[in-house]
Amino acid sequence: MLFKKNNPISQKQLDLIKCISDTRRELKVANRNFEIAEEELIDYYSYQIKANKAKLDYLIKKVKQKGIVLDTINALQLGLYYDKAI
């Protein structure tokens, strides 16, 4: 599921992957909220979307630099894997 070439994943790397998963979820929520937002909240959600996209880009860049491969289909199982690792 998650691996670094020929090396097991450390807790720090697992936390980085979990952060990506959490940020993706936050981005989806912000997008949904933006779609139904009233006038006063449109700016808020647009800033939240932009911030989450920037964070996600940064985290993905860090994962690639570390050589970690993430299978996006199995990423849905990350929560179960992460809970077992703690």
N, C-alpha and C. Protein backbone atom coordinates (compact mmCIF):
# COMPACT_ATOMS: atom_id res chain seq x y z
N MET A 1 0.83 -1.19 0.00
CA MET A 1 0.00 0.00 0.00
C MET A 1 0.87 1.25 0.00
N LEU A 2 1.58 1.48 1.07
CA LEU A 2 2.47 2.63 1.15
C LEU A 2 3.88 2.09 1.35
N PHE A 3 4.83 2.60 0.60
CA PHE A 3 6.17 2.11 0.80
C PHE A 3 7.19 3.09 0.25
N LYS A 4 8.36 3.01 0.80
CA LYS A 4 9.52 3.70 0.27
C LYS A 4 10.40 2.60 -0.29
N LYS A 5 10.94 2.84 -1.42
CA LYS A 5 11.69 1.80 -2.12
C LYS A 5 12.64 1.07 -1.17
N ASN A 6 12.37 -0.22 -0.96
CA ASN A 6 13.19 -1.13 -0.16
C ASN A 6 13.31 -0.74 1.31
N ASN A 7 12.50 0.19 1.80
CA ASN A 7 12.56 0.59 3.21
C ASN A 7 11.15 0.68 3.77
N PRO A 8 10.99 0.28 5.02
CA PRO A 8 9.66 0.45 5.63
C PRO A 8 9.39 1.92 5.89
N ILE A 9 8.13 2.27 6.01
CA ILE A 9 7.74 3.65 6.26
C ILE A 9 7.91 3.97 7.74
N SER A 10 8.52 5.11 8.03
CA SER A 10 8.67 5.54 9.41
C SER A 10 7.39 6.23 9.87
N GLN A 11 7.29 6.44 11.16
CA GLN A 11 6.12 7.12 11.71
C GLN A 11 6.01 8.55 11.16
N LYS A 12 7.13 9.20 10.98
CA LYS A 12 7.14 10.57 10.44
C LYS A 12 6.60 10.59 9.01
N GLN A 13 6.99 9.62 8.21
CA GLN A 13 6.50 9.53 6.84
C GLN A 13 5.01 9.19 6.82
N LEU A 14 4.59 8.32 7.72
CA LEU A 14 3.18 7.96 7.82
C LEU A 14 2.35 9.18 8.22
N ASP A 15 2.88 9.99 9.11
CA ASP A 15 2.19 11.22 9.51
C ASP A 15 2.05 12.19 8.33
N LEU A 16 3.06 12.24 7.49
CA LEU A 16 3.02 13.10 6.30
C LEU A 16 1.92 12.64 5.35
N ILE A 17 1.82 11.35 5.13
CA ILE A 17 0.77 10.79 4.28
C ILE A 17 -0.61 11.05 4.89
N LYS A 18 -0.73 10.88 6.19
CA LYS A 18 -2.00 11.15 6.88
C LYS A 18 -2.39 12.62 6.72
N CYS A 19 -1.42 13.51 6.79
CA CYS A 19 -1.68 14.94 6.62
C CYS A 19 -2.20 15.23 5.22
N ILE A 20 -1.68 14.54 4.22
CA ILE A 20 -2.18 14.70 2.85
C ILE A 20 -3.63 14.25 2.78
N SER A 21 -3.93 13.13 3.37
CA SER A 21 -5.30 12.63 3.37
C SER A 21 -6.25 13.61 4.05
N ASP A 22 -5.83 14.14 5.20
CA ASP A 22 -6.65 15.11 5.92
C ASP A 22 -6.85 16.40 5.12
N THR A 23 -5.80 16.85 4.46
CA THR A 23 -5.89 18.08 3.66
C THR A 23 -6.80 17.88 2.46
N ARG A 24 -6.76 16.72 1.84
CA ARG A 24 -7.68 16.44 0.73
C ARG A 24 -9.13 16.49 1.20
N ARG A 25 -9.36 15.91 2.38
CA ARG A 25 -10.72 15.92 2.92
C ARG A 25 -11.16 17.35 3.23
N GLU A 26 -10.29 18.16 3.82
CA GLU A 26 -10.61 19.55 4.13
C GLU A 26 -10.89 20.35 2.84
N LEU A 27 -10.15 20.05 1.79
CA LEU A 27 -10.36 20.73 0.51
C LEU A 27 -11.73 20.37 -0.07
N LYS A 28 -12.11 19.10 0.01
CA LYS A 28 -13.42 18.68 -0.48
C LYS A 28 -14.54 19.36 0.29
N VAL A 29 -14.39 19.45 1.60
CA VAL A 29 -15.40 20.09 2.43
C VAL A 29 -15.50 21.58 2.08
N ALA A 30 -14.36 22.23 1.92
CA ALA A 30 -14.37 23.66 1.57
C ALA A 30 -15.03 23.88 0.21
N ASN A 31 -14.77 22.99 -0.74
CA ASN A 31 -15.41 23.11 -2.06
C ASN A 31 -16.93 22.94 -1.96
N ARG A 32 -17.37 21.97 -1.18
CA ARG A 32 -18.81 21.77 -1.00
C ARG A 32 -19.45 22.97 -0.32
N ASN A 33 -18.80 23.49 0.70
CA ASN A 33 -19.34 24.64 1.41
C ASN A 33 -19.37 25.89 0.52
N PHE A 34 -18.37 26.03 -0.33
CA PHE A 34 -18.33 27.17 -1.25
C PHE A 34 -19.53 27.16 -2.18
N GLU A 35 -19.90 25.97 -2.62
CA GLU A 35 -21.02 25.83 -3.55
C GLU A 35 -22.34 26.29 -2.95
N ILE A 36 -22.49 26.20 -1.65
CA ILE A 36 -23.76 26.59 -1.02
C ILE A 36 -23.62 27.85 -0.16
N ALA A 37 -22.46 28.47 -0.20
CA ALA A 37 -22.19 29.63 0.66
C ALA A 37 -23.05 30.83 0.27
N GLU A 38 -23.42 31.59 1.29
CA GLU A 38 -24.10 32.84 1.07
C GLU A 38 -23.05 33.93 0.90
N GLU A 39 -23.49 35.10 0.50
CA GLU A 39 -22.59 36.20 0.14
C GLU A 39 -21.46 36.44 1.12
N GLU A 40 -21.77 36.43 2.41
CA GLU A 40 -20.77 36.76 3.42
C GLU A 40 -19.65 35.71 3.54
N LEU A 41 -19.94 34.49 3.14
CA LEU A 41 -18.97 33.41 3.32
C LEU A 41 -18.24 33.01 2.04
N ILE A 42 -18.58 33.57 0.93
CA ILE A 42 -17.94 33.20 -0.34
C ILE A 42 -16.43 33.47 -0.29
N ASP A 43 -16.04 34.65 0.18
CA ASP A 43 -14.62 34.96 0.29
C ASP A 43 -13.90 34.02 1.24
N TYR A 44 -14.54 33.72 2.36
CA TYR A 44 -13.93 32.83 3.34
C TYR A 44 -13.61 31.46 2.73
N TYR A 45 -14.59 30.88 2.07
CA TYR A 45 -14.37 29.55 1.50
C TYR A 45 -13.41 29.59 0.31
N SER A 46 -13.40 30.66 -0.44
CA SER A 46 -12.44 30.74 -1.55
C SER A 46 -11.00 30.82 -1.01
N TYR A 47 -10.79 31.54 0.09
CA TYR A 47 -9.46 31.58 0.71
C TYR A 47 -9.09 30.23 1.30
N GLN A 48 -10.07 29.56 1.90
CA GLN A 48 -9.83 28.24 2.47
C GLN A 48 -9.44 27.23 1.38
N ILE A 49 -10.11 27.31 0.25
CA ILE A 49 -9.80 26.42 -0.88
C ILE A 49 -8.38 26.69 -1.37
N LYS A 50 -8.04 27.96 -1.52
CA LYS A 50 -6.70 28.31 -2.01
C LYS A 50 -5.63 27.86 -1.02
N ALA A 51 -5.87 28.04 0.27
CA ALA A 51 -4.90 27.63 1.29
C ALA A 51 -4.72 26.11 1.30
N ASN A 52 -5.81 25.37 1.20
CA ASN A 52 -5.72 23.91 1.19
C ASN A 52 -5.02 23.39 -0.06
N LYS A 53 -5.24 24.04 -1.20
CA LYS A 53 -4.54 23.63 -2.43
C LYS A 53 -3.04 23.87 -2.29
N ALA A 54 -2.66 25.01 -1.72
CA ALA A 54 -1.24 25.31 -1.53
C ALA A 54 -0.60 24.30 -0.57
N LYS A 55 -1.31 23.98 0.50
CA LYS A 55 -0.80 23.00 1.47
C LYS A 55 -0.66 21.64 0.83
N LEU A 56 -1.65 21.24 0.05
CA LEU A 56 -1.61 19.94 -0.61
C LEU A 56 -0.46 19.86 -1.61
N ASP A 57 -0.25 20.91 -2.38
CA ASP A 57 0.87 20.94 -3.32
C ASP A 57 2.20 20.79 -2.59
N TYR A 58 2.34 21.50 -1.47
CA TYR A 58 3.57 21.42 -0.68
C TYR A 58 3.80 20.01 -0.14
N LEU A 59 2.75 19.41 0.43
CA LEU A 59 2.87 18.07 1.02
C LEU A 59 3.19 17.01 -0.03
N ILE A 60 2.56 17.12 -1.18
CA ILE A 60 2.83 16.16 -2.26
C ILE A 60 4.27 16.30 -2.74
N LYS A 61 4.75 17.52 -2.82
CA LYS A 61 6.15 17.77 -3.20
C LYS A 61 7.09 17.11 -2.20
N LYS A 62 6.79 17.23 -0.90
CA LYS A 62 7.62 16.63 0.13
C LYS A 62 7.62 15.10 0.03
N VAL A 63 6.46 14.52 -0.22
CA VAL A 63 6.35 13.07 -0.35
C VAL A 63 7.18 12.58 -1.54
N LYS A 64 7.10 13.29 -2.65
CA LYS A 64 7.87 12.90 -3.84
C LYS A 64 9.37 13.01 -3.58
N GLN A 65 9.79 14.06 -2.85
CA GLN A 65 11.20 14.23 -2.53
C GLN A 65 11.73 13.08 -1.68
N LYS A 66 10.88 12.55 -0.82
CA LYS A 66 11.28 11.45 0.05
C LYS A 66 11.19 10.09 -0.64
N GLY A 67 10.66 10.08 -1.88
CA GLY A 67 10.58 8.84 -2.64
C GLY A 67 9.47 7.91 -2.19
N ILE A 68 8.48 8.45 -1.50
CA ILE A 68 7.36 7.64 -1.03
C ILE A 68 6.35 7.51 -2.15
N VAL A 69 5.87 6.28 -2.36
CA VAL A 69 4.88 6.01 -3.39
C VAL A 69 3.55 5.80 -2.69
N LEU A 70 2.54 6.49 -3.15
CA LEU A 70 1.21 6.35 -2.57
C LEU A 70 0.25 5.87 -3.64
N ASP A 71 -0.31 4.70 -3.43
CA ASP A 71 -1.30 4.15 -4.34
C ASP A 71 -2.64 4.81 -4.00
N THR A 72 -3.16 5.64 -4.90
CA THR A 72 -4.35 6.42 -4.58
C THR A 72 -5.58 5.57 -4.32
N ILE A 73 -5.67 4.41 -4.92
CA ILE A 73 -6.81 3.54 -4.64
C ILE A 73 -6.75 3.06 -3.19
N ASN A 74 -5.59 2.69 -2.75
CA ASN A 74 -5.44 2.20 -1.38
C ASN A 74 -5.36 3.32 -0.37
N ALA A 75 -5.29 4.56 -0.81
CA ALA A 75 -5.24 5.69 0.11
C ALA A 75 -6.49 5.76 0.96
N LEU A 76 -7.58 5.25 0.45
CA LEU A 76 -8.82 5.23 1.21
C LEU A 76 -8.70 4.35 2.44
N GLN A 77 -7.80 3.39 2.38
CA GLN A 77 -7.59 2.48 3.50
C GLN A 77 -6.57 3.04 4.49
N LEU A 78 -6.03 4.22 4.22
CA LEU A 78 -4.99 4.81 5.05
C LEU A 78 -5.45 4.96 6.49
N GLY A 79 -6.67 5.35 6.69
CA GLY A 79 -7.18 5.52 8.05
C GLY A 79 -7.05 4.25 8.85
N LEU A 80 -7.43 3.12 8.26
CA LEU A 80 -7.31 1.85 8.96
C LEU A 80 -5.85 1.50 9.21
N TYR A 81 -5.00 1.72 8.22
CA TYR A 81 -3.58 1.42 8.34
C TYR A 81 -2.96 2.32 9.39
N TYR A 82 -3.32 3.59 9.38
CA TYR A 82 -2.74 4.56 10.32
C TYR A 82 -3.14 4.21 11.74
N ASP A 83 -4.40 3.85 11.97
CA ASP A 83 -4.86 3.51 13.30
C ASP A 83 -4.12 2.29 13.84
N LYS A 84 -3.83 1.33 12.99
CA LYS A 84 -3.13 0.12 13.42
C LYS A 84 -1.67 0.44 13.74
N ALA A 85 -1.10 1.45 13.07
CA ALA A 85 0.31 1.76 13.25
C ALA A 85 0.56 2.50 14.57
N ILE A 86 -0.48 3.11 15.12
CA ILE A 86 -0.28 3.90 16.35
C ILE A 86 -0.21 3.02 17.57
